[in-house]
Amino acid sequence: MPPGLAIRAFNKWLRDLPISEAQRTVLMTNIAKTETWWERQPAEALETVQMMGIPVGMLNKNFDASNLIKLLTAAIRMTN
């Protein structure tokens, strides 16, 4: 899990994941699909995401909800 959901922390975590290039390609494809899906969600979707039991330490001023969606996508992909 990344140390936070701010853009810089999340991107570093994603870049440093110890996975093969094939796994990274699949993960990045899935994240791109997730980003497309997230962009189509209504504004109130952010409120729903913030009530999902996210650790308080991750809900700081740099919180990026789309990174939470990407993190969940990565977690699902890596456990399948």
PDB file of N, CA and C in Angstrom:
ATOM      1  N   MET A   1       0.839  -1.170   0.000  1.00  0.00           N
ATOM      2  CA  MET A   1       0.000   0.000   0.000  1.00  0.00           C
ATOM      3  C   MET A   1       0.889   1.240   0.000  1.00  0.00           C
ATOM      4  N   PRO A   2       0.539   2.235  -0.797  1.00  0.00           N
ATOM      5  CA  PRO A   2       1.363   3.449  -0.831  1.00  0.00           C
ATOM      6  C   PRO A   2       1.237   4.222   0.482  1.00  0.00           C
ATOM      7  N   PRO A   3       2.201   5.096   0.775  1.00  0.00           N
ATOM      8  CA  PRO A   3       2.154   5.872   2.015  1.00  0.00           C
ATOM      9  C   PRO A   3       1.034   6.907   2.025  1.00  0.00           C
ATOM     10  N   GLY A   4       0.506   7.226   0.873  1.00  0.00           N
ATOM     11  CA  GLY A   4      -0.573   8.196   0.769  1.00  0.00           C
ATOM     12  C   GLY A   4      -1.170   8.163  -0.626  1.00  0.00           C
ATOM     13  N   LEU A   5      -2.230   8.935  -0.812  1.00  0.00           N
ATOM     14  CA  LEU A   5      -2.897   8.955  -2.111  1.00  0.00           C
ATOM     15  C   LEU A   5      -2.645  10.251  -2.879  1.00  0.00           C
ATOM     16  N   ALA A   6      -1.691  11.028  -2.412  1.00  0.00           N
ATOM     17  CA  ALA A   6      -1.282  12.208  -3.169  1.00  0.00           C
ATOM     18  C   ALA A   6      -0.635  11.727  -4.463  1.00  0.00           C
ATOM     19  N   ILE A   7      -0.686  12.535  -5.470  1.00  0.00           N
ATOM     20  CA  ILE A   7      -0.222  12.123  -6.797  1.00  0.00           C
ATOM     21  C   ILE A   7       1.214  11.623  -6.783  1.00  0.00           C
ATOM     22  N   ARG A   8       2.123  12.373  -6.189  1.00  0.00           N
ATOM     23  CA  ARG A   8       3.545  12.000  -6.211  1.00  0.00           C
ATOM     24  C   ARG A   8       3.794  10.687  -5.463  1.00  0.00           C
ATOM     25  N   ALA A   9       3.234  10.538  -4.263  1.00  0.00           N
ATOM     26  CA  ALA A   9       3.427   9.318  -3.468  1.00  0.00           C
ATOM     27  C   ALA A   9       2.833   8.112  -4.184  1.00  0.00           C
ATOM     28  N   PHE A  10       1.643   8.285  -4.736  1.00  0.00           N
ATOM     29  CA  PHE A  10       0.999   7.172  -5.424  1.00  0.00           C
ATOM     30  C   PHE A  10       1.783   6.765  -6.661  1.00  0.00           C
ATOM     31  N   ASN A  11       2.191   7.735  -7.463  1.00  0.00           N
ATOM     32  CA  ASN A  11       2.927   7.418  -8.696  1.00  0.00           C
ATOM     33  C   ASN A  11       4.251   6.722  -8.406  1.00  0.00           C
ATOM     34  N   LYS A  12       4.949   7.131  -7.333  1.00  0.00           N
ATOM     35  CA  LYS A  12       6.198   6.471  -6.964  1.00  0.00           C
ATOM     36  C   LYS A  12       5.923   5.028  -6.553  1.00  0.00           C
ATOM     37  N   TRP A  13       4.888   4.827  -5.745  1.00  0.00           N
ATOM     38  CA  TRP A  13       4.526   3.474  -5.324  1.00  0.00           C
ATOM     39  C   TRP A  13       4.212   2.602  -6.534  1.00  0.00           C
ATOM     40  N   LEU A  14       3.422   3.137  -7.454  1.00  0.00           N
ATOM     41  CA  LEU A  14       3.034   2.387  -8.649  1.00  0.00           C
ATOM     42  C   LEU A  14       4.251   2.034  -9.491  1.00  0.00           C
ATOM     43  N   ARG A  15       5.145   2.990  -9.660  1.00  0.00           N
ATOM     44  CA  ARG A  15       6.363   2.781 -10.460  1.00  0.00           C
ATOM     45  C   ARG A  15       7.285   1.742  -9.814  1.00  0.00           C
ATOM     46  N   ASP A  16       7.315   1.694  -8.467  1.00  0.00           N
ATOM     47  CA  ASP A  16       8.232   0.806  -7.750  1.00  0.00           C
ATOM     48  C   ASP A  16       7.657  -0.574  -7.435  1.00  0.00           C
ATOM     49  N   LEU A  17       6.439  -0.861  -7.867  1.00  0.00           N
ATOM     50  CA  LEU A  17       5.853  -2.177  -7.598  1.00  0.00           C
ATOM     51  C   LEU A  17       6.739  -3.270  -8.190  1.00  0.00           C
ATOM     52  N   PRO A  18       7.029  -4.304  -7.399  1.00  0.00           N
ATOM     53  CA  PRO A  18       7.895  -5.393  -7.895  1.00  0.00           C
ATOM     54  C   PRO A  18       7.091  -6.404  -8.723  1.00  0.00           C
ATOM     55  N   ILE A  19       6.768  -6.013  -9.948  1.00  0.00           N
ATOM     56  CA  ILE A  19       6.004  -6.895 -10.834  1.00  0.00           C
ATOM     57  C   ILE A  19       6.703  -6.961 -12.193  1.00  0.00           C
ATOM     58  N   SER A  20       6.377  -8.010 -12.936  1.00  0.00           N
ATOM     59  CA  SER A  20       6.995  -8.177 -14.255  1.00  0.00           C
ATOM     60  C   SER A  20       6.422  -7.141 -15.227  1.00  0.00           C
ATOM     61  N   GLU A  21       7.087  -6.997 -16.355  1.00  0.00           N
ATOM     62  CA  GLU A  21       6.607  -6.048 -17.372  1.00  0.00           C
ATOM     63  C   GLU A  21       5.239  -6.457 -17.907  1.00  0.00           C
ATOM     64  N   ALA A  22       5.019  -7.755 -18.056  1.00  0.00           N
ATOM     65  CA  ALA A  22       3.708  -8.230 -18.526  1.00  0.00           C
ATOM     66  C   ALA A  22       2.619  -7.871 -17.513  1.00  0.00           C
ATOM     67  N   GLN A  23       2.907  -8.086 -16.227  1.00  0.00           N
ATOM     68  CA  GLN A  23       1.939  -7.729 -15.189  1.00  0.00           C
ATOM     69  C   GLN A  23       1.710  -6.217 -15.165  1.00  0.00           C
ATOM     70  N   ARG A  24       2.780  -5.452 -15.336  1.00  0.00           N
ATOM     71  CA  ARG A  24       2.660  -3.983 -15.333  1.00  0.00           C
ATOM     72  C   ARG A  24       1.796  -3.518 -16.510  1.00  0.00           C
ATOM     73  N   THR A  25       1.969  -4.143 -17.662  1.00  0.00           N
ATOM     74  CA  THR A  25       1.174  -3.781 -18.833  1.00  0.00           C
ATOM     75  C   THR A  25      -0.301  -4.028 -18.580  1.00  0.00           C
ATOM     76  N   VAL A  26      -0.624  -5.193 -18.025  1.00  0.00           N
ATOM     77  CA  VAL A  26      -2.022  -5.507 -17.718  1.00  0.00           C
ATOM     78  C   VAL A  26      -2.564  -4.534 -16.669  1.00  0.00           C
ATOM     79  N   LEU A  27      -1.771  -4.279 -15.633  1.00  0.00           N
ATOM     80  CA  LEU A  27      -2.195  -3.357 -14.578  1.00  0.00           C
ATOM     81  C   LEU A  27      -2.455  -1.965 -15.143  1.00  0.00           C
ATOM     82  N   MET A  28      -1.561  -1.458 -15.964  1.00  0.00           N
ATOM     83  CA  MET A  28      -1.725  -0.113 -16.518  1.00  0.00           C
ATOM     84  C   MET A  28      -2.939  -0.054 -17.453  1.00  0.00           C
ATOM     85  N   THR A  29      -3.205  -1.129 -18.179  1.00  0.00           N
ATOM     86  CA  THR A  29      -4.404  -1.191 -19.023  1.00  0.00           C
ATOM     87  C   THR A  29      -5.651  -1.133 -18.155  1.00  0.00           C
ATOM     88  N   ASN A  30      -5.647  -1.895 -17.058  1.00  0.00           N
ATOM     89  CA  ASN A  30      -6.787  -1.885 -16.150  1.00  0.00           C
ATOM     90  C   ASN A  30      -6.970  -0.523 -15.485  1.00  0.00           C
ATOM     91  N   ILE A  31      -5.870   0.116 -15.123  1.00  0.00           N
ATOM     92  CA  ILE A  31      -5.952   1.447 -14.513  1.00  0.00           C
ATOM     93  C   ILE A  31      -6.507   2.455 -15.516  1.00  0.00           C
ATOM     94  N   ALA A  32      -6.086   2.366 -16.772  1.00  0.00           N
ATOM     95  CA  ALA A  32      -6.612   3.277 -17.800  1.00  0.00           C
ATOM     96  C   ALA A  32      -8.123   3.103 -17.948  1.00  0.00           C
ATOM     97  N   LYS A  33      -8.586   1.860 -17.927  1.00  0.00           N
ATOM     98  CA  LYS A  33     -10.027   1.609 -18.010  1.00  0.00           C
ATOM     99  C   LYS A  33     -10.738   2.167 -16.786  1.00  0.00           C
ATOM    100  N   THR A  34     -10.112   2.020 -15.617  1.00  0.00           N
ATOM    101  CA  THR A  34     -10.683   2.543 -14.382  1.00  0.00           C
ATOM    102  C   THR A  34     -10.769   4.062 -14.428  1.00  0.00           C
ATOM    103  N   GLU A  35      -9.731   4.713 -14.935  1.00  0.00           N
ATOM    104  CA  GLU A  35      -9.749   6.178 -15.044  1.00  0.00           C
ATOM    105  C   GLU A  35     -10.880   6.643 -15.953  1.00  0.00           C
ATOM    106  N   THR A  36     -11.081   5.950 -17.057  1.00  0.00           N
ATOM    107  CA  THR A  36     -12.167   6.285 -17.973  1.00  0.00           C
ATOM    108  C   THR A  36     -13.511   6.142 -17.266  1.00  0.00           C
ATOM    109  N   TRP A  37     -13.670   5.054 -16.521  1.00  0.00           N
ATOM    110  CA  TRP A  37     -14.897   4.831 -15.766  1.00  0.00           C
ATOM    111  C   TRP A  37     -15.102   5.926 -14.721  1.00  0.00           C
ATOM    112  N   TRP A  38     -14.052   6.270 -13.966  1.00  0.00           N
ATOM    113  CA  TRP A  38     -14.155   7.270 -12.896  1.00  0.00           C
ATOM    114  C   TRP A  38     -14.560   8.633 -13.457  1.00  0.00           C
ATOM    115  N   GLU A  39     -14.035   8.994 -14.613  1.00  0.00           N
ATOM    116  CA  GLU A  39     -14.365  10.283 -15.229  1.00  0.00           C
ATOM    117  C   GLU A  39     -15.849  10.396 -15.557  1.00  0.00           C
ATOM    118  N   ARG A  40     -16.534   9.275 -15.754  1.00  0.00           N
ATOM    119  CA  ARG A  40     -17.958   9.289 -16.097  1.00  0.00           C
ATOM    120  C   ARG A  40     -18.869   9.267 -14.874  1.00  0.00           C
ATOM    121  N   GLN A  41     -18.284   9.167 -13.676  1.00  0.00           N
ATOM    122  CA  GLN A  41     -19.098   9.098 -12.465  1.00  0.00           C
ATOM    123  C   GLN A  41     -19.583  10.492 -12.065  1.00  0.00           C
ATOM    124  N   PRO A  42     -20.759  10.554 -11.414  1.00  0.00           N
ATOM    125  CA  PRO A  42     -21.272  11.857 -10.974  1.00  0.00           C
ATOM    126  C   PRO A  42     -20.431  12.411  -9.824  1.00  0.00           C
ATOM    127  N   ALA A  43     -20.549  13.695  -9.565  1.00  0.00           N
ATOM    128  CA  ALA A  43     -19.763  14.364  -8.530  1.00  0.00           C
ATOM    129  C   ALA A  43     -19.961  13.723  -7.158  1.00  0.00           C
ATOM    130  N   GLU A  44     -21.172  13.226  -6.882  1.00  0.00           N
ATOM    131  CA  GLU A  44     -21.400  12.643  -5.558  1.00  0.00           C
ATOM    132  C   GLU A  44     -20.648  11.331  -5.347  1.00  0.00           C
ATOM    133  N   ALA A  45     -20.064  10.772  -6.386  1.00  0.00           N
ATOM    134  CA  ALA A  45     -19.287   9.540  -6.239  1.00  0.00           C
ATOM    135  C   ALA A  45     -18.096   9.760  -5.312  1.00  0.00           C
ATOM    136  N   LEU A  46     -17.536  10.959  -5.305  1.00  0.00           N
ATOM    137  CA  LEU A  46     -16.409  11.268  -4.434  1.00  0.00           C
ATOM    138  C   LEU A  46     -16.805  11.111  -2.970  1.00  0.00           C
ATOM    139  N   GLU A  47     -18.003  11.552  -2.610  1.00  0.00           N
ATOM    140  CA  GLU A  47     -18.471  11.411  -1.230  1.00  0.00           C
ATOM    141  C   GLU A  47     -18.585   9.942  -0.850  1.00  0.00           C
ATOM    142  N   THR A  48     -19.061   9.131  -1.761  1.00  0.00           N
ATOM    143  CA  THR A  48     -19.185   7.695  -1.499  1.00  0.00           C
ATOM    144  C   THR A  48     -17.814   7.082  -1.267  1.00  0.00           C
ATOM    145  N   VAL A  49     -16.840   7.445  -2.092  1.00  0.00           N
ATOM    146  CA  VAL A  49     -15.482   6.922  -1.958  1.00  0.00           C
ATOM    147  C   VAL A  49     -14.898   7.320  -0.611  1.00  0.00           C
ATOM    148  N   GLN A  50     -15.149   8.538  -0.165  1.00  0.00           N
ATOM    149  CA  GLN A  50     -14.581   9.021   1.090  1.00  0.00           C
ATOM    150  C   GLN A  50     -15.214   8.358   2.308  1.00  0.00           C
ATOM    151  N   MET A  51     -16.326   7.682   2.147  1.00  0.00           N
ATOM    152  CA  MET A  51     -16.977   7.023   3.280  1.00  0.00           C
ATOM    153  C   MET A  51     -16.726   5.514   3.288  1.00  0.00           C
ATOM    154  N   MET A  52     -15.774   5.040   2.516  1.00  0.00           N
ATOM    155  CA  MET A  52     -15.542   3.604   2.381  1.00  0.00           C
ATOM    156  C   MET A  52     -14.585   3.042   3.417  1.00  0.00           C
ATOM    157  N   GLY A  53     -14.297   3.761   4.476  1.00  0.00           N
ATOM    158  CA  GLY A  53     -13.392   3.244   5.496  1.00  0.00           C
ATOM    159  C   GLY A  53     -11.936   3.456   5.164  1.00  0.00           C
ATOM    160  N   ILE A  54     -11.618   4.534   4.488  1.00  0.00           N
ATOM    161  CA  ILE A  54     -10.243   4.849   4.134  1.00  0.00           C
ATOM    162  C   ILE A  54      -9.513   5.282   5.405  1.00  0.00           C
ATOM    163  N   PRO A  55      -8.287   4.806   5.633  1.00  0.00           N
ATOM    164  CA  PRO A  55      -7.541   5.256   6.812  1.00  0.00           C
ATOM    165  C   PRO A  55      -7.437   6.779   6.862  1.00  0.00           C
ATOM    166  N   VAL A  56      -7.652   7.328   8.055  1.00  0.00           N
ATOM    167  CA  VAL A  56      -7.666   8.780   8.228  1.00  0.00           C
ATOM    168  C   VAL A  56      -6.381   9.424   7.712  1.00  0.00           C
ATOM    169  N   GLY A  57      -5.254   8.765   7.894  1.00  0.00           N
ATOM    170  CA  GLY A  57      -3.979   9.312   7.438  1.00  0.00           C
ATOM    171  C   GLY A  57      -3.925   9.550   5.938  1.00  0.00           C
ATOM    172  N   MET A  58      -4.772   8.853   5.177  1.00  0.00           N
ATOM    173  CA  MET A  58      -4.777   9.024   3.725  1.00  0.00           C
ATOM    174  C   MET A  58      -5.709  10.155   3.292  1.00  0.00           C
ATOM    175  N   LEU A  59      -6.555  10.621   4.171  1.00  0.00           N
ATOM    176  CA  LEU A  59      -7.499  11.678   3.810  1.00  0.00           C
ATOM    177  C   LEU A  59      -6.929  13.044   4.170  1.00  0.00           C
ATOM    178  N   ASN A  60      -5.765  13.354   3.659  1.00  0.00           N
ATOM    179  CA  ASN A  60      -5.173  14.659   3.927  1.00  0.00           C
ATOM    180  C   ASN A  60      -5.480  15.607   2.775  1.00  0.00           C
ATOM    181  N   LYS A  61      -4.909  16.788   2.814  1.00  0.00           N
ATOM    182  CA  LYS A  61      -5.220  17.791   1.793  1.00  0.00           C
ATOM    183  C   LYS A  61      -4.793  17.368   0.385  1.00  0.00           C
ATOM    184  N   ASN A  62      -3.885  16.406   0.287  1.00  0.00           N
ATOM    185  CA  ASN A  62      -3.431  15.953  -1.021  1.00  0.00           C
ATOM    186  C   ASN A  62      -4.165  14.710  -1.499  1.00  0.00           C
ATOM    187  N   PHE A  63      -5.236  14.355  -0.809  1.00  0.00           N
ATOM    188  CA  PHE A  63      -6.006  13.163  -1.153  1.00  0.00           C
ATOM    189  C   PHE A  63      -6.527  13.259  -2.582  1.00  0.00           C
ATOM    190  N   ASP A  64      -6.310  12.219  -3.341  1.00  0.00           N
ATOM    191  CA  ASP A  64      -6.779  12.164  -4.721  1.00  0.00           C
ATOM    192  C   ASP A  64      -7.633  10.909  -4.855  1.00  0.00           C
ATOM    193  N   ALA A  65      -8.948  11.081  -4.937  1.00  0.00           N
ATOM    194  CA  ALA A  65      -9.872   9.941  -4.971  1.00  0.00           C
ATOM    195  C   ALA A  65      -9.587   9.022  -6.149  1.00  0.00           C
ATOM    196  N   SER A  66      -9.168   9.567  -7.281  1.00  0.00           N
ATOM    197  CA  SER A  66      -8.895   8.699  -8.420  1.00  0.00           C
ATOM    198  C   SER A  66      -7.734   7.755  -8.111  1.00  0.00           C
ATOM    199  N   ASN A  67      -6.791   8.186  -7.267  1.00  0.00           N
ATOM    200  CA  ASN A  67      -5.701   7.292  -6.884  1.00  0.00           C
ATOM    201  C   ASN A  67      -6.206   6.160  -6.002  1.00  0.00           C
ATOM    202  N   LEU A  68      -7.243   6.408  -5.197  1.00  0.00           N
ATOM    203  CA  LEU A  68      -7.831   5.323  -4.416  1.00  0.00           C
ATOM    204  C   LEU A  68      -8.435   4.282  -5.349  1.00  0.00           C
ATOM    205  N   ILE A  69      -9.135   4.735  -6.375  1.00  0.00           N
ATOM    206  CA  ILE A  69      -9.726   3.812  -7.337  1.00  0.00           C
ATOM    207  C   ILE A  69      -8.624   3.017  -8.037  1.00  0.00           C
ATOM    208  N   LYS A  70      -7.532   3.678  -8.390  1.00  0.00           N
ATOM    209  CA  LYS A  70      -6.400   2.987  -9.030  1.00  0.00           C
ATOM    210  C   LYS A  70      -5.771   1.982  -8.069  1.00  0.00           C
ATOM    211  N   LEU A  71      -5.640   2.366  -6.784  1.00  0.00           N
ATOM    212  CA  LEU A  71      -5.077   1.463  -5.784  1.00  0.00           C
ATOM    213  C   LEU A  71      -5.935   0.215  -5.653  1.00  0.00           C
ATOM    214  N   LEU A  72      -7.245   0.391  -5.609  1.00  0.00           N
ATOM    215  CA  LEU A  72      -8.142  -0.763  -5.523  1.00  0.00           C
ATOM    216  C   LEU A  72      -8.029  -1.634  -6.765  1.00  0.00           C
ATOM    217  N   THR A  73      -7.876  -1.010  -7.928  1.00  0.00           N
ATOM    218  CA  THR A  73      -7.688  -1.762  -9.171  1.00  0.00           C
ATOM    219  C   THR A  73      -6.407  -2.582  -9.095  1.00  0.00           C
ATOM    220  N   ALA A  74      -5.337  -1.967  -8.616  1.00  0.00           N
ATOM    221  CA  ALA A  74      -4.062  -2.692  -8.483  1.00  0.00           C
ATOM    222  C   ALA A  74      -4.197  -3.846  -7.496  1.00  0.00           C
ATOM    223  N   ALA A  75      -4.869  -3.615  -6.384  1.00  0.00           N
ATOM    224  CA  ALA A  75      -5.035  -4.669  -5.373  1.00  0.00           C
ATOM    225  C   ALA A  75      -5.820  -5.849  -5.948  1.00  0.00           C
ATOM    226  N   ILE A  76      -6.878  -5.549  -6.660  1.00  0.00           N
ATOM    227  CA  ILE A  76      -7.674  -6.620  -7.260  1.00  0.00           C
ATOM    228  C   ILE A  76      -6.838  -7.380  -8.288  1.00  0.00           C
ATOM    229  N   ARG A  77      -6.125  -6.663  -9.132  1.00  0.00           N
ATOM    230  CA  ARG A  77      -5.313  -7.298 -10.175  1.00  0.00           C
ATOM    231  C   ARG A  77      -4.227  -8.175  -9.575  1.00  0.00           C
ATOM    232  N   MET A  78      -3.614  -7.709  -8.493  1.00  0.00           N
ATOM    233  CA  MET A  78      -2.500  -8.439  -7.912  1.00  0.00           C
ATOM    234  C   MET A  78      -2.950  -9.634  -7.082  1.00  0.00           C
ATOM    235  N   THR A  79      -4.217  -9.714  -6.732  1.00  0.00           N
ATOM    236  CA  THR A  79      -4.707 -10.864  -5.966  1.00  0.00           C
ATOM    237  C   THR A  79      -5.389 -11.894  -6.847  1.00  0.00           C
ATOM    238  N   ASN A  80      -5.526 -11.612  -8.137  1.00  0.00           N
ATOM    239  CA  ASN A  80      -6.143 -12.573  -9.074  1.00  0.00           C
ATOM    240  C   ASN A  80      -5.094 -13.434  -9.719  1.00  0.00           C
TER     241      ASN A  80
END
